[in-house]
Amino acid sequence: MSCRVGFVWDTKQHFNRYIEDCGLSCDLITPYMLAAPFFRGTYNCIIIPTGFANPAYSNLLPALRASSPRIIRFIESGGNLLVFGAATEKTDSYDWLPFPVTYLHEFGARGITCTPGSLAGSIIEDYDAARIECDGTFPEHGADCTGRSGSGDVIIEKQIGSGRVFLTTIHEFPSRAFLSGFCRSGIPTLF
C-alpha cells in the first residue's frame, strides 16, 4: 500500500530524504501552500519538524494558525499528525491544535522513560534512552503522556476522531520503524 507524507516547511530538508529512505512518498508543503485555500492533497500523515514556531528557522506558525480548521478536519477524518518541538520561548506555539498544549523551551540531553507498549518507545528505539536530545517539555496539555523525562512530559499523544496527534520534543529523527508504522497507520485523507 502506498503512503503519502506531507512535510510542512519552507524548503526541503534532510528530513525529507530520510522519510523517502523509509519507503514513504514525501511532498513538501510550504507555509504559503498550507495557508492557500485552493491547496489540496491526500496524505496519510503530516509532519511538522522542530523549530516550526521560531521565526529564525521558519515562517510556519502563522500558516499553522490560519490552517487550524483544515488540520483538525484532516485528523478527525483519519490522518495522522506528527509534530516536533517549537524551539522557541513562545508557550502558546501549539494553539492551532484542537486541544490545549503549553510548551517550555529547554534544550538538552535527557533520559526518557516511555509507557510500555506505546508508540513512544518505538520513536526512540535507535537511540540510547538515557541520553536523548530534547528541546523542551509540555508542562500542561490535554493529551496522554507516553514519554517522560523526570517530571517533564516530552512525548504526548491524542486520538481525535479517526486520526491521531503525536507531539514530541525529541531533537532527533524518529526511528525508521516508528516513522513507517505511524505514517502508514493514517488513513489517506484530503488535506
N, C-alpha and C. Protein backbone atom coordinates (compact mmCIF):
# COMPACT_ATOMS: atom_id res chain seq x y z
N MET A 1 0.84 -1.18 0.00
CA MET A 1 0.00 0.00 0.00
C MET A 1 0.88 1.24 0.00
N SER A 2 0.59 2.19 -0.86
CA SER A 2 1.39 3.40 -0.92
C SER A 2 1.00 4.34 0.22
N CYS A 3 1.95 5.13 0.65
CA CYS A 3 1.74 6.05 1.76
C CYS A 3 2.33 7.40 1.38
N ARG A 4 1.51 8.44 1.49
CA ARG A 4 1.99 9.79 1.18
C ARG A 4 2.09 10.59 2.47
N VAL A 5 3.23 11.25 2.62
CA VAL A 5 3.51 12.08 3.77
C VAL A 5 3.65 13.52 3.30
N GLY A 6 3.01 14.44 4.00
CA GLY A 6 3.21 15.86 3.75
C GLY A 6 4.18 16.40 4.78
N PHE A 7 5.28 16.96 4.32
CA PHE A 7 6.31 17.53 5.21
C PHE A 7 6.16 19.05 5.13
N VAL A 8 5.80 19.68 6.22
CA VAL A 8 5.48 21.10 6.23
C VAL A 8 6.71 21.91 6.66
N TRP A 9 7.26 22.68 5.70
CA TRP A 9 8.43 23.52 5.97
C TRP A 9 8.61 24.48 4.81
N ASP A 10 9.50 25.43 4.95
CA ASP A 10 9.75 26.42 3.91
C ASP A 10 10.49 25.86 2.70
N THR A 11 11.43 24.94 2.96
CA THR A 11 12.24 24.34 1.90
C THR A 11 12.49 22.87 2.23
N LYS A 12 12.97 22.11 1.25
CA LYS A 12 13.32 20.71 1.52
C LYS A 12 14.45 20.65 2.54
N GLN A 13 14.44 19.59 3.34
CA GLN A 13 15.42 19.37 4.39
C GLN A 13 15.95 17.94 4.28
N HIS A 14 16.95 17.62 5.10
CA HIS A 14 17.44 16.23 5.17
C HIS A 14 16.33 15.29 5.62
N PHE A 15 15.42 15.81 6.43
CA PHE A 15 14.32 15.01 6.94
C PHE A 15 13.48 14.46 5.77
N ASN A 16 13.27 15.27 4.71
CA ASN A 16 12.53 14.79 3.54
C ASN A 16 13.17 13.53 2.97
N ARG A 17 14.46 13.57 2.81
CA ARG A 17 15.21 12.43 2.25
C ARG A 17 15.10 11.22 3.17
N TYR A 18 15.18 11.46 4.47
CA TYR A 18 15.05 10.39 5.46
C TYR A 18 13.68 9.72 5.34
N ILE A 19 12.64 10.50 5.19
CA ILE A 19 11.28 9.97 5.03
C ILE A 19 11.22 9.08 3.79
N GLU A 20 11.77 9.57 2.69
CA GLU A 20 11.77 8.79 1.45
C GLU A 20 12.61 7.52 1.58
N ASP A 21 13.72 7.60 2.32
CA ASP A 21 14.55 6.41 2.56
C ASP A 21 13.81 5.35 3.38
N CYS A 22 12.76 5.76 4.08
CA CYS A 22 11.93 4.81 4.85
C CYS A 22 10.86 4.18 3.97
N GLY A 23 10.89 4.46 2.66
CA GLY A 23 9.94 3.87 1.73
C GLY A 23 8.62 4.60 1.63
N LEU A 24 8.60 5.86 2.05
CA LEU A 24 7.38 6.67 2.03
C LEU A 24 7.50 7.77 0.99
N SER A 25 6.42 8.09 0.35
CA SER A 25 6.39 9.21 -0.59
C SER A 25 6.27 10.49 0.23
N CYS A 26 7.08 11.50 -0.08
CA CYS A 26 7.11 12.73 0.73
C CYS A 26 6.96 13.96 -0.15
N ASP A 27 5.93 14.77 0.14
CA ASP A 27 5.71 16.03 -0.56
C ASP A 27 6.03 17.19 0.38
N LEU A 28 6.72 18.18 -0.13
CA LEU A 28 6.95 19.40 0.63
C LEU A 28 5.70 20.27 0.57
N ILE A 29 5.24 20.72 1.74
CA ILE A 29 4.12 21.66 1.83
C ILE A 29 4.67 22.92 2.47
N THR A 30 4.79 23.99 1.68
CA THR A 30 5.34 25.24 2.21
C THR A 30 4.27 25.99 3.01
N PRO A 31 4.67 26.96 3.84
CA PRO A 31 3.68 27.75 4.58
C PRO A 31 2.67 28.43 3.65
N TYR A 32 3.11 28.86 2.48
CA TYR A 32 2.20 29.52 1.54
C TYR A 32 1.17 28.53 1.00
N MET A 33 1.61 27.31 0.71
CA MET A 33 0.68 26.28 0.25
C MET A 33 -0.30 25.91 1.36
N LEU A 34 0.21 25.78 2.57
CA LEU A 34 -0.62 25.40 3.72
C LEU A 34 -1.76 26.39 3.94
N ALA A 35 -1.45 27.68 3.83
CA ALA A 35 -2.45 28.71 4.09
C ALA A 35 -3.34 29.00 2.88
N ALA A 36 -2.99 28.49 1.71
CA ALA A 36 -3.77 28.76 0.50
C ALA A 36 -5.06 27.93 0.50
N PRO A 37 -6.22 28.56 0.35
CA PRO A 37 -7.48 27.81 0.40
C PRO A 37 -7.65 26.82 -0.75
N PHE A 38 -6.94 27.02 -1.85
CA PHE A 38 -7.07 26.14 -3.01
C PHE A 38 -6.15 24.93 -2.96
N PHE A 39 -5.19 24.89 -2.04
CA PHE A 39 -4.27 23.76 -1.96
C PHE A 39 -5.00 22.53 -1.42
N ARG A 40 -4.87 21.41 -2.12
CA ARG A 40 -5.44 20.15 -1.69
C ARG A 40 -4.46 19.03 -2.01
N GLY A 41 -4.36 18.11 -1.11
CA GLY A 41 -3.56 16.91 -1.32
C GLY A 41 -4.09 15.82 -0.42
N THR A 42 -3.86 14.58 -0.77
CA THR A 42 -4.30 13.46 0.05
C THR A 42 -3.06 12.83 0.69
N TYR A 43 -3.08 12.76 2.01
CA TYR A 43 -1.93 12.28 2.78
C TYR A 43 -2.38 11.33 3.88
N ASN A 44 -1.51 10.41 4.23
CA ASN A 44 -1.72 9.55 5.39
C ASN A 44 -1.26 10.28 6.65
N CYS A 45 -0.23 11.09 6.50
CA CYS A 45 0.41 11.72 7.64
C CYS A 45 0.97 13.08 7.24
N ILE A 46 0.90 14.02 8.16
CA ILE A 46 1.52 15.33 8.01
C ILE A 46 2.59 15.43 9.11
N ILE A 47 3.79 15.88 8.73
CA ILE A 47 4.89 16.03 9.69
C ILE A 47 5.30 17.49 9.76
N ILE A 48 5.40 18.00 11.00
CA ILE A 48 5.85 19.36 11.25
C ILE A 48 7.11 19.25 12.11
N PRO A 49 8.27 19.61 11.55
CA PRO A 49 9.53 19.38 12.25
C PRO A 49 9.86 20.42 13.33
N THR A 50 10.93 20.14 14.04
CA THR A 50 11.44 21.01 15.09
C THR A 50 11.69 22.42 14.57
N GLY A 51 11.33 23.41 15.38
CA GLY A 51 11.60 24.81 15.05
C GLY A 51 10.49 25.51 14.32
N PHE A 52 9.33 24.86 14.18
CA PHE A 52 8.24 25.44 13.40
C PHE A 52 7.76 26.79 13.92
N ALA A 53 7.91 27.07 15.21
CA ALA A 53 7.40 28.32 15.79
C ALA A 53 8.48 29.39 15.95
N ASN A 54 9.71 29.06 15.62
CA ASN A 54 10.81 30.01 15.78
C ASN A 54 11.02 30.75 14.46
N PRO A 55 10.78 32.08 14.43
CA PRO A 55 10.91 32.83 13.19
C PRO A 55 12.34 32.85 12.64
N ALA A 56 13.32 32.49 13.45
CA ALA A 56 14.70 32.40 12.95
C ALA A 56 14.88 31.21 12.02
N TYR A 57 14.00 30.21 12.15
CA TYR A 57 14.08 28.99 11.34
C TYR A 57 13.01 28.90 10.27
N SER A 58 11.81 29.43 10.56
CA SER A 58 10.67 29.20 9.67
C SER A 58 9.61 30.27 9.84
N ASN A 59 8.79 30.42 8.81
CA ASN A 59 7.62 31.31 8.86
C ASN A 59 6.35 30.47 8.98
N LEU A 60 6.43 29.36 9.61
CA LEU A 60 5.35 28.38 9.61
C LEU A 60 4.22 28.65 10.60
N LEU A 61 4.50 29.19 11.77
CA LEU A 61 3.48 29.32 12.81
C LEU A 61 2.24 30.10 12.35
N PRO A 62 2.37 31.25 11.69
CA PRO A 62 1.15 31.94 11.24
C PRO A 62 0.32 31.10 10.26
N ALA A 63 0.97 30.34 9.40
CA ALA A 63 0.24 29.49 8.45
C ALA A 63 -0.46 28.34 9.18
N LEU A 64 0.17 27.78 10.22
CA LEU A 64 -0.48 26.72 11.00
C LEU A 64 -1.72 27.27 11.70
N ARG A 65 -1.60 28.45 12.26
CA ARG A 65 -2.75 29.06 12.94
C ARG A 65 -3.88 29.34 11.95
N ALA A 66 -3.54 29.84 10.78
CA ALA A 66 -4.56 30.13 9.76
C ALA A 66 -5.20 28.85 9.23
N SER A 67 -4.47 27.75 9.24
CA SER A 67 -4.94 26.48 8.69
C SER A 67 -5.50 25.54 9.75
N SER A 68 -5.66 25.99 10.96
CA SER A 68 -6.11 25.13 12.05
C SER A 68 -7.38 24.34 11.71
N PRO A 69 -8.43 24.94 11.14
CA PRO A 69 -9.62 24.14 10.82
C PRO A 69 -9.32 23.02 9.82
N ARG A 70 -8.46 23.28 8.84
CA ARG A 70 -8.09 22.26 7.85
C ARG A 70 -7.33 21.12 8.54
N ILE A 71 -6.41 21.46 9.43
CA ILE A 71 -5.61 20.47 10.15
C ILE A 71 -6.52 19.59 11.01
N ILE A 72 -7.47 20.21 11.70
CA ILE A 72 -8.38 19.47 12.56
C ILE A 72 -9.25 18.51 11.73
N ARG A 73 -9.77 18.97 10.60
CA ARG A 73 -10.57 18.10 9.71
C ARG A 73 -9.74 16.91 9.23
N PHE A 74 -8.49 17.18 8.89
CA PHE A 74 -7.58 16.13 8.43
C PHE A 74 -7.44 15.03 9.49
N ILE A 75 -7.20 15.44 10.73
CA ILE A 75 -7.02 14.47 11.82
C ILE A 75 -8.32 13.73 12.09
N GLU A 76 -9.41 14.45 12.23
CA GLU A 76 -10.70 13.82 12.53
C GLU A 76 -11.09 12.79 11.47
N SER A 77 -10.68 13.02 10.22
CA SER A 77 -11.03 12.13 9.12
C SER A 77 -10.10 10.92 9.00
N GLY A 78 -9.08 10.85 9.82
CA GLY A 78 -8.21 9.67 9.84
C GLY A 78 -6.75 9.91 9.56
N GLY A 79 -6.37 11.14 9.26
CA GLY A 79 -4.96 11.43 9.04
C GLY A 79 -4.19 11.51 10.35
N ASN A 80 -2.92 11.18 10.31
CA ASN A 80 -2.05 11.29 11.48
C ASN A 80 -1.20 12.54 11.39
N LEU A 81 -0.96 13.18 12.52
CA LEU A 81 -0.15 14.39 12.59
C LEU A 81 1.00 14.16 13.56
N LEU A 82 2.23 14.35 13.07
CA LEU A 82 3.44 14.22 13.89
C LEU A 82 4.07 15.60 14.00
N VAL A 83 4.18 16.11 15.23
CA VAL A 83 4.70 17.46 15.46
C VAL A 83 5.85 17.40 16.45
N PHE A 84 6.94 18.08 16.10
CA PHE A 84 8.12 18.13 16.96
C PHE A 84 8.13 19.43 17.76
N GLY A 85 9.23 19.72 18.45
CA GLY A 85 9.32 20.87 19.33
C GLY A 85 9.28 22.20 18.61
N ALA A 86 8.70 23.19 19.28
CA ALA A 86 8.55 24.53 18.72
C ALA A 86 9.88 25.28 18.65
N ALA A 87 10.81 24.98 19.56
CA ALA A 87 12.14 25.61 19.61
C ALA A 87 12.06 27.12 19.74
N THR A 88 11.23 27.57 20.65
CA THR A 88 11.07 29.00 20.91
C THR A 88 10.55 29.19 22.34
N GLU A 89 10.65 30.40 22.83
CA GLU A 89 10.15 30.71 24.17
C GLU A 89 8.64 30.92 24.19
N LYS A 90 7.98 30.87 23.05
CA LYS A 90 6.52 31.07 22.97
C LYS A 90 5.80 29.86 23.54
N THR A 91 5.17 30.02 24.70
CA THR A 91 4.50 28.90 25.35
C THR A 91 3.23 28.49 24.62
N ASP A 92 2.66 29.38 23.79
CA ASP A 92 1.40 29.09 23.09
C ASP A 92 1.62 28.64 21.64
N SER A 93 2.76 28.10 21.34
CA SER A 93 3.12 27.71 19.97
C SER A 93 2.24 26.60 19.38
N TYR A 94 1.51 25.91 20.23
CA TYR A 94 0.67 24.81 19.77
C TYR A 94 -0.82 25.18 19.82
N ASP A 95 -1.13 26.46 19.85
CA ASP A 95 -2.53 26.89 19.99
C ASP A 95 -3.38 26.62 18.75
N TRP A 96 -2.81 26.12 17.72
CA TRP A 96 -3.54 25.77 16.49
C TRP A 96 -4.06 24.33 16.52
N LEU A 97 -3.70 23.58 17.55
CA LEU A 97 -4.17 22.20 17.71
C LEU A 97 -5.55 22.18 18.38
N PRO A 98 -6.29 21.08 18.25
CA PRO A 98 -7.64 21.01 18.82
C PRO A 98 -7.69 20.65 20.31
N PHE A 99 -6.58 20.78 21.01
CA PHE A 99 -6.54 20.56 22.45
C PHE A 99 -5.42 21.45 23.02
N PRO A 100 -5.51 21.79 24.30
CA PRO A 100 -4.52 22.70 24.88
C PRO A 100 -3.15 22.05 25.06
N VAL A 101 -2.10 22.81 24.73
CA VAL A 101 -0.72 22.37 24.91
C VAL A 101 0.12 23.59 25.29
N THR A 102 0.80 23.50 26.40
CA THR A 102 1.76 24.53 26.80
C THR A 102 3.15 23.95 26.63
N TYR A 103 4.04 24.75 26.05
CA TYR A 103 5.39 24.30 25.73
C TYR A 103 6.40 25.11 26.54
N LEU A 104 7.41 24.44 27.07
CA LEU A 104 8.51 25.09 27.79
C LEU A 104 9.81 24.74 27.08
N HIS A 105 10.48 25.75 26.53
CA HIS A 105 11.71 25.53 25.76
C HIS A 105 12.89 25.35 26.71
N GLU A 106 13.50 24.18 26.68
CA GLU A 106 14.68 23.84 27.49
C GLU A 106 15.48 22.79 26.73
N PHE A 107 16.48 23.21 25.99
CA PHE A 107 17.25 22.28 25.18
C PHE A 107 18.28 21.55 26.02
N GLY A 108 18.41 20.24 25.78
CA GLY A 108 19.44 19.47 26.46
C GLY A 108 19.19 17.98 26.34
N ALA A 109 20.21 17.21 26.71
CA ALA A 109 20.11 15.75 26.70
C ALA A 109 19.34 15.29 27.94
N ARG A 110 18.47 14.31 27.74
CA ARG A 110 17.63 13.83 28.83
C ARG A 110 17.49 12.31 28.74
N GLY A 111 17.20 11.73 29.88
CA GLY A 111 16.78 10.33 29.90
C GLY A 111 15.28 10.30 29.72
N ILE A 112 14.78 9.40 28.88
CA ILE A 112 13.35 9.32 28.61
C ILE A 112 12.82 7.94 28.98
N THR A 113 11.72 7.93 29.69
CA THR A 113 11.02 6.71 30.03
C THR A 113 9.69 6.73 29.30
N CYS A 114 9.40 5.65 28.56
CA CYS A 114 8.18 5.58 27.76
C CYS A 114 7.20 4.59 28.35
N THR A 115 5.93 4.85 28.13
CA THR A 115 4.87 3.94 28.55
C THR A 115 5.03 2.62 27.79
N PRO A 116 5.11 1.50 28.50
CA PRO A 116 5.26 0.20 27.82
C PRO A 116 4.13 -0.03 26.82
N GLY A 117 4.49 -0.52 25.64
CA GLY A 117 3.51 -0.82 24.61
C GLY A 117 3.04 0.37 23.79
N SER A 118 3.56 1.57 24.08
CA SER A 118 3.14 2.76 23.34
C SER A 118 4.04 2.99 22.13
N LEU A 119 3.56 3.83 21.22
CA LEU A 119 4.39 4.24 20.09
C LEU A 119 5.63 4.99 20.54
N ALA A 120 5.54 5.64 21.67
CA ALA A 120 6.65 6.46 22.17
C ALA A 120 7.94 5.65 22.26
N GLY A 121 7.84 4.42 22.71
CA GLY A 121 9.04 3.59 22.82
C GLY A 121 9.70 3.32 21.49
N SER A 122 8.90 3.22 20.43
CA SER A 122 9.49 2.92 19.12
C SER A 122 10.10 4.15 18.47
N ILE A 123 9.69 5.35 18.84
CA ILE A 123 10.24 6.55 18.19
C ILE A 123 11.71 6.74 18.57
N ILE A 124 12.09 6.25 19.74
CA ILE A 124 13.47 6.44 20.21
C ILE A 124 14.29 5.15 20.19
N GLU A 125 13.79 4.10 19.53
CA GLU A 125 14.47 2.81 19.61
C GLU A 125 15.87 2.80 19.00
N ASP A 126 16.20 3.76 18.16
CA ASP A 126 17.54 3.81 17.56
C ASP A 126 18.54 4.58 18.43
N TYR A 127 18.11 5.04 19.59
CA TYR A 127 18.94 5.89 20.44
C TYR A 127 19.07 5.32 21.84
N ASP A 128 20.02 5.84 22.58
CA ASP A 128 20.18 5.50 23.98
C ASP A 128 19.15 6.29 24.77
N ALA A 129 18.14 5.63 25.33
CA ALA A 129 17.04 6.30 26.03
C ALA A 129 17.52 7.08 27.25
N ALA A 130 18.74 6.83 27.71
CA ALA A 130 19.26 7.55 28.87
C ALA A 130 19.81 8.92 28.49
N ARG A 131 19.97 9.17 27.18
CA ARG A 131 20.57 10.45 26.76
C ARG A 131 20.09 10.82 25.35
N ILE A 132 18.92 11.44 25.30
CA ILE A 132 18.34 11.87 24.03
C ILE A 132 18.18 13.38 24.05
N GLU A 133 18.62 14.03 22.98
CA GLU A 133 18.47 15.48 22.88
C GLU A 133 16.99 15.85 22.75
N CYS A 134 16.54 16.79 23.57
CA CYS A 134 15.18 17.30 23.53
C CYS A 134 15.25 18.82 23.56
N ASP A 135 14.24 19.49 23.03
CA ASP A 135 14.26 20.95 23.06
C ASP A 135 13.27 21.54 24.05
N GLY A 136 12.61 20.71 24.84
CA GLY A 136 11.69 21.24 25.84
C GLY A 136 10.78 20.18 26.41
N THR A 137 9.74 20.66 27.09
CA THR A 137 8.73 19.79 27.70
C THR A 137 7.35 20.38 27.47
N PHE A 138 6.33 19.57 27.77
CA PHE A 138 4.94 20.01 27.73
C PHE A 138 4.41 20.00 29.16
N PRO A 139 4.56 21.13 29.90
CA PRO A 139 4.15 21.14 31.31
C PRO A 139 2.63 21.01 31.52
N GLU A 140 1.85 21.47 30.55
CA GLU A 140 0.39 21.35 30.64
C GLU A 140 -0.14 20.99 29.26
N HIS A 141 -1.09 20.04 29.24
CA HIS A 141 -1.66 19.62 27.96
C HIS A 141 -2.92 18.81 28.19
N GLY A 142 -3.68 18.65 27.13
CA GLY A 142 -4.90 17.85 27.18
C GLY A 142 -4.75 16.56 26.43
N ALA A 143 -3.61 15.90 26.55
CA ALA A 143 -3.34 14.64 25.84
C ALA A 143 -2.81 13.61 26.83
N ASP A 144 -2.48 12.44 26.33
CA ASP A 144 -1.91 11.39 27.16
C ASP A 144 -0.39 11.43 27.07
N CYS A 145 0.27 11.47 28.21
CA CYS A 145 1.73 11.44 28.23
C CYS A 145 2.19 9.99 28.05
N THR A 146 3.04 9.77 27.03
CA THR A 146 3.57 8.43 26.80
C THR A 146 5.10 8.41 26.86
N GLY A 147 5.71 9.59 27.07
CA GLY A 147 7.15 9.68 27.22
C GLY A 147 7.50 10.82 28.18
N ARG A 148 8.28 10.48 29.19
CA ARG A 148 8.58 11.45 30.23
C ARG A 148 10.08 11.49 30.51
N SER A 149 10.54 12.68 30.85
CA SER A 149 11.91 12.87 31.29
C SER A 149 11.85 13.47 32.68
N GLY A 150 12.15 12.66 33.69
CA GLY A 150 11.98 13.13 35.07
C GLY A 150 10.51 13.44 35.28
N SER A 151 10.22 14.69 35.63
CA SER A 151 8.82 15.09 35.83
C SER A 151 8.26 15.82 34.60
N GLY A 152 9.03 15.92 33.54
CA GLY A 152 8.59 16.64 32.33
C GLY A 152 8.09 15.72 31.24
N ASP A 153 6.94 16.04 30.68
CA ASP A 153 6.38 15.26 29.57
C ASP A 153 7.06 15.70 28.28
N VAL A 154 7.63 14.73 27.55
CA VAL A 154 8.33 15.03 26.29
C VAL A 154 7.68 14.35 25.08
N ILE A 155 6.76 13.43 25.32
CA ILE A 155 6.00 12.79 24.25
C ILE A 155 4.56 12.70 24.72
N ILE A 156 3.65 13.27 23.92
CA ILE A 156 2.23 13.18 24.25
C ILE A 156 1.47 12.76 22.99
N GLU A 157 0.34 12.09 23.21
CA GLU A 157 -0.48 11.59 22.10
C GLU A 157 -1.94 11.83 22.39
N LYS A 158 -2.71 12.01 21.31
CA LYS A 158 -4.15 12.16 21.46
C LYS A 158 -4.85 11.64 20.22
N GLN A 159 -5.84 10.79 20.44
CA GLN A 159 -6.71 10.31 19.38
C GLN A 159 -7.80 11.35 19.20
N ILE A 160 -8.03 11.77 17.95
CA ILE A 160 -9.07 12.75 17.65
C ILE A 160 -9.83 12.22 16.44
N GLY A 161 -11.09 11.89 16.63
CA GLY A 161 -11.85 11.28 15.55
C GLY A 161 -11.18 9.98 15.15
N SER A 162 -10.92 9.82 13.85
CA SER A 162 -10.28 8.60 13.34
C SER A 162 -8.76 8.74 13.23
N GLY A 163 -8.22 9.92 13.55
CA GLY A 163 -6.79 10.16 13.43
C GLY A 163 -6.11 10.34 14.76
N ARG A 164 -4.82 10.58 14.69
CA ARG A 164 -4.01 10.70 15.90
C ARG A 164 -3.02 11.86 15.78
N VAL A 165 -2.81 12.53 16.92
CA VAL A 165 -1.79 13.57 17.02
C VAL A 165 -0.70 13.03 17.94
N PHE A 166 0.54 13.15 17.49
CA PHE A 166 1.70 12.69 18.26
C PHE A 166 2.65 13.87 18.35
N LEU A 167 2.85 14.40 19.55
CA LEU A 167 3.74 15.54 19.77
C LEU A 167 4.95 15.08 20.57
N THR A 168 6.13 15.54 20.15
CA THR A 168 7.34 15.18 20.87
C THR A 168 8.34 16.33 20.81
N THR A 169 9.15 16.42 21.83
CA THR A 169 10.22 17.42 21.84
C THR A 169 11.58 16.79 21.59
N ILE A 170 11.60 15.49 21.21
CA ILE A 170 12.89 14.90 20.91
C ILE A 170 13.50 15.65 19.72
N HIS A 171 14.79 15.83 19.78
CA HIS A 171 15.50 16.63 18.78
C HIS A 171 16.34 15.71 17.90
N GLU A 172 15.78 14.57 17.57
CA GLU A 172 16.44 13.55 16.74
C GLU A 172 15.44 13.09 15.70
N PHE A 173 15.91 12.48 14.62
CA PHE A 173 14.99 11.86 13.68
C PHE A 173 14.31 10.69 14.40
N PRO A 174 13.03 10.47 14.13
CA PRO A 174 12.38 9.29 14.71
C PRO A 174 12.95 8.02 14.08
N SER A 175 12.82 6.91 14.77
CA SER A 175 13.33 5.66 14.21
C SER A 175 12.59 5.35 12.91
N ARG A 176 13.23 4.59 12.06
CA ARG A 176 12.61 4.19 10.78
C ARG A 176 11.35 3.37 11.03
N ALA A 177 11.40 2.49 12.02
CA ALA A 177 10.24 1.64 12.34
C ALA A 177 9.06 2.51 12.78
N PHE A 178 9.32 3.49 13.65
CA PHE A 178 8.24 4.37 14.09
C PHE A 178 7.66 5.15 12.92
N LEU A 179 8.54 5.77 12.15
CA LEU A 179 8.08 6.64 11.06
C LEU A 179 7.23 5.86 10.07
N SER A 180 7.71 4.70 9.67
CA SER A 180 6.96 3.89 8.71
C SER A 180 5.63 3.45 9.31
N GLY A 181 5.63 2.96 10.52
CA GLY A 181 4.40 2.48 11.16
C GLY A 181 3.40 3.58 11.42
N PHE A 182 3.85 4.71 11.96
CA PHE A 182 2.95 5.82 12.28
C PHE A 182 2.35 6.41 11.01
N CYS A 183 3.18 6.65 10.01
CA CYS A 183 2.67 7.25 8.78
C CYS A 183 1.72 6.31 8.06
N ARG A 184 2.06 5.04 7.98
CA ARG A 184 1.20 4.07 7.27
C ARG A 184 -0.11 3.79 8.01
N SER A 185 -0.15 4.03 9.33
CA SER A 185 -1.39 3.76 10.07
C SER A 185 -2.44 4.84 9.83
N GLY A 186 -2.05 5.97 9.26
CA GLY A 186 -3.02 7.01 8.94
C GLY A 186 -3.83 6.64 7.71
N ILE A 187 -5.08 7.05 7.70
CA ILE A 187 -5.97 6.80 6.55
C ILE A 187 -5.70 7.89 5.51
N PRO A 188 -5.53 7.54 4.23
CA PRO A 188 -5.35 8.59 3.21
C PRO A 188 -6.52 9.58 3.27
N THR A 189 -6.19 10.84 3.56
CA THR A 189 -7.18 11.86 3.85
C THR A 189 -6.86 13.14 3.11
N LEU A 190 -7.90 13.81 2.63
CA LEU A 190 -7.74 15.09 1.96
C LEU A 190 -7.26 16.13 2.96
N PHE A 191 -6.23 16.84 2.58
CA PHE A 191 -5.68 17.90 3.44
C PHE A 191 -5.85 19.23 2.75
